């Protein structure tokens, strides 16, 4: 019962973090001028890569088997742009789509982040807690995707980081194929 409660607590905290991040303001300097309109149109065009993507579609059945995922993805009840999968009772993987936020706007603790690349795209690896790790990558100048994992309570955070390092390139290839 305690591990189920811990998983629920971790899930709720992850959902609240995702909700807090997704509710952040837009830090762009767009103006209500023709110039600002051009920037908005450009952003909409760049975000075309994500327009038809739903978070639960970004991991295929074959990839789910390779990642040892035990269930079909489910949309997070607090954040509709996040899909969650279970690997064990207390560990899992989430994919979040940030259609209006570049990777620099995702609220990760700065002292726990490091720059990296995913299939040539700019990316950030973030250890976001004792058992949580995220890998976010740039889709366009105004959009990003984050792949997050929670390790079992007895496993080090590196276990979660290894999983997101394996899953994020799969997710990236899936948006590239659309």
Protein backbone atom coordinates (compact mmCIF):
# COMPACT_ATOMS: atom_id res chain seq x y z
CA UNK A 1 0.00 0.00 0.00
CA UNK A 2 2.86 2.36 0.83
CA UNK A 3 4.52 1.93 -2.60
CA UNK A 4 1.16 2.53 -4.32
CA UNK A 5 0.72 5.70 -2.25
CA UNK A 6 4.31 6.76 -3.13
CA UNK A 7 3.62 6.19 -6.84
CA UNK A 8 0.44 8.25 -6.60
CA UNK A 9 2.31 11.00 -4.74
CA UNK A 10 5.07 11.03 -7.35
CA UNK A 11 2.46 11.02 -10.12
CA UNK A 12 0.59 13.92 -8.54
CA UNK A 13 3.81 15.89 -8.02
CA UNK A 14 4.85 15.22 -11.63
CA UNK A 15 1.43 16.33 -12.86
CA UNK A 16 1.54 19.48 -10.74
CA UNK A 17 5.03 20.29 -12.02
CA UNK A 18 3.90 19.77 -15.61
CA UNK A 19 0.79 21.88 -14.96
CA UNK A 20 2.87 24.66 -13.36
CA UNK A 21 5.31 24.61 -16.26
CA UNK A 22 2.55 24.60 -18.87
CA UNK A 23 0.76 27.53 -17.21
CA UNK A 24 3.81 29.81 -17.33
CA UNK A 25 3.53 33.04 -19.25
CA UNK A 26 4.83 33.57 -22.75
CA UNK A 27 8.17 35.33 -22.46
CA UNK A 28 8.29 36.43 -26.09
CA UNK A 29 8.58 40.06 -27.03
CA UNK A 30 5.82 39.91 -29.62
CA UNK A 31 3.93 43.14 -30.21
CA UNK A 32 0.49 43.80 -31.56
CA UNK A 33 2.01 45.26 -34.68
CA UNK A 34 2.49 43.87 -38.16
CA UNK A 35 5.97 42.78 -36.99
CA UNK A 36 4.45 40.87 -34.04
CA UNK A 37 1.90 39.31 -36.39
CA UNK A 38 4.71 38.09 -38.65
CA UNK A 39 6.42 36.50 -35.65
CA UNK A 40 3.15 34.78 -34.69
CA UNK A 41 2.65 33.46 -38.23
CA UNK A 42 6.25 32.23 -38.31
CA UNK A 43 5.77 30.50 -34.95
CA UNK A 44 2.56 28.85 -36.19
CA UNK A 45 4.38 27.59 -39.29
CA UNK A 46 7.29 26.25 -37.19
CA UNK A 47 4.83 24.58 -34.82
CA UNK A 48 3.27 22.77 -37.77
CA UNK A 49 5.49 19.81 -36.87
CA UNK A 50 3.53 19.44 -33.63
CA UNK A 51 0.10 20.52 -34.87
CA UNK A 52 -1.24 17.02 -35.44
CA UNK A 53 0.80 15.23 -32.79
CA UNK A 54 -0.81 14.00 -29.61
CA UNK A 55 1.50 13.02 -26.74
CA UNK A 56 0.23 9.42 -26.55
CA UNK A 57 1.05 8.94 -30.25
CA UNK A 58 4.74 9.75 -29.78
CA UNK A 59 5.71 6.27 -28.59
CA UNK A 60 4.73 3.43 -30.92
CA UNK A 61 3.67 -0.05 -29.75
CA UNK A 62 7.00 -1.48 -30.90
CA UNK A 63 8.90 1.21 -29.01
CA UNK A 64 6.74 0.62 -25.92
CA UNK A 65 7.77 -3.04 -25.97
CA UNK A 66 11.44 -2.04 -26.35
CA UNK A 67 11.08 0.34 -23.38
CA UNK A 68 9.29 -2.39 -21.36
CA UNK A 69 6.18 -0.25 -20.96
CA UNK A 70 3.34 -2.20 -19.35
CA UNK A 71 0.28 -0.21 -20.49
CA UNK A 72 -1.15 1.99 -23.20
CA UNK A 73 -0.38 5.65 -22.70
CA UNK A 74 -2.94 7.71 -20.82
CA UNK A 75 -3.42 11.47 -20.98
CA UNK A 76 -2.60 13.14 -17.67
CA UNK A 77 -5.83 14.34 -16.07
CA UNK A 78 -4.21 17.65 -15.00
CA UNK A 79 -2.23 18.35 -18.17
CA UNK A 80 -3.76 17.29 -21.48
CA UNK A 81 -0.44 17.84 -23.29
CA UNK A 82 1.21 15.02 -21.28
CA UNK A 83 0.88 11.26 -21.78
CA UNK A 84 1.93 8.78 -19.10
CA UNK A 85 3.01 5.14 -19.33
CA UNK A 86 3.83 2.68 -16.55
CA UNK A 87 6.92 0.51 -16.55
CA UNK A 88 6.52 -0.90 -13.05
CA UNK A 89 4.06 -0.06 -10.28
CA UNK A 90 6.23 2.85 -9.15
CA UNK A 91 8.13 3.89 -12.26
CA UNK A 92 7.07 5.24 -15.57
CA UNK A 93 7.66 7.59 -18.46
CA UNK A 94 5.86 10.77 -19.53
CA UNK A 95 5.92 12.67 -22.83
CA UNK A 96 4.89 16.34 -22.76
CA UNK A 97 4.35 18.59 -25.77
CA UNK A 98 5.07 22.30 -25.32
CA UNK A 99 3.53 23.89 -28.40
CA UNK A 100 4.19 27.47 -27.23
CA UNK A 101 7.35 27.08 -25.18
CA UNK A 102 10.96 26.60 -26.24
CA UNK A 103 13.27 24.42 -24.13
CA UNK A 104 14.73 27.44 -22.32
CA UNK A 105 11.26 28.24 -20.96
CA UNK A 106 10.66 24.83 -19.39
CA UNK A 107 11.06 25.28 -15.66
CA UNK A 108 13.89 22.91 -14.72
CA UNK A 109 16.18 23.53 -11.72
CA UNK A 110 19.21 25.24 -13.33
CA UNK A 111 21.82 23.55 -11.13
CA UNK A 112 20.63 20.12 -12.23
CA UNK A 113 20.64 20.65 -16.02
CA UNK A 114 23.15 19.98 -18.73
CA UNK A 115 22.99 20.75 -22.45
CA UNK A 116 23.00 17.83 -24.87
CA UNK A 117 21.73 16.84 -28.34
CA UNK A 118 18.99 14.48 -29.51
CA UNK A 119 19.37 13.40 -33.14
CA UNK A 120 21.07 16.76 -33.83
CA UNK A 121 18.47 18.85 -31.99
CA UNK A 122 19.31 21.15 -29.08
CA UNK A 123 18.32 19.44 -25.82
CA UNK A 124 18.54 19.70 -22.03
CA UNK A 125 18.97 16.81 -19.59
CA UNK A 126 17.54 17.67 -16.17
CA UNK A 127 17.63 15.71 -12.94
CA UNK A 128 14.44 17.03 -11.39
CA UNK A 129 14.44 15.22 -8.08
CA UNK A 130 15.86 12.26 -6.25
CA UNK A 131 14.16 9.81 -8.65
CA UNK A 132 13.13 11.99 -11.62
CA UNK A 133 14.91 12.83 -14.84
CA UNK A 134 13.76 14.73 -17.94
CA UNK A 135 15.20 15.22 -21.38
CA UNK A 136 13.63 18.10 -23.32
CA UNK A 137 14.48 18.85 -26.94
CA UNK A 138 13.85 21.72 -29.29
CA UNK A 139 11.25 21.22 -32.01
CA UNK A 140 11.23 24.84 -33.21
CA UNK A 141 12.20 28.25 -31.87
CA UNK A 142 8.92 28.28 -29.94
CA UNK A 143 8.14 24.63 -29.19
CA UNK A 144 9.65 21.64 -27.41
CA UNK A 145 8.99 18.12 -26.21
CA UNK A 146 10.00 16.71 -22.85
CA UNK A 147 10.44 13.02 -22.03
CA UNK A 148 10.45 12.39 -18.28
CA UNK A 149 10.89 9.32 -16.14
CA UNK A 150 10.52 8.37 -12.50
CA UNK A 151 12.80 5.65 -11.18
CA UNK A 152 11.77 3.18 -8.52
CA UNK A 153 12.40 4.46 -5.00
CA UNK A 154 15.30 2.02 -4.57
CA UNK A 155 16.97 3.02 -7.85
CA UNK A 156 19.27 6.00 -8.42
CA UNK A 157 18.15 8.92 -10.58
CA UNK A 158 20.58 7.71 -13.26
CA UNK A 159 18.16 4.83 -13.91
CA UNK A 160 15.49 7.37 -14.89
CA UNK A 161 18.05 9.32 -16.94
CA UNK A 162 19.11 6.18 -18.82
CA UNK A 163 15.48 5.56 -19.73
CA UNK A 164 14.85 9.09 -21.04
CA UNK A 165 18.11 8.96 -23.01
CA UNK A 166 16.76 5.81 -24.69
CA UNK A 167 13.16 7.05 -25.18
CA UNK A 168 13.76 10.67 -26.28
CA UNK A 169 15.42 9.79 -29.61
CA UNK A 170 12.49 7.46 -30.37
CA UNK A 171 10.02 10.27 -29.67
CA UNK A 172 12.07 12.70 -31.77
CA UNK A 173 12.07 10.33 -34.74
CA UNK A 174 8.30 9.97 -34.44
CA UNK A 175 7.71 13.72 -34.78
CA UNK A 176 10.18 13.87 -37.67
CA UNK A 177 8.25 11.16 -39.52
CA UNK A 178 4.98 13.14 -39.40
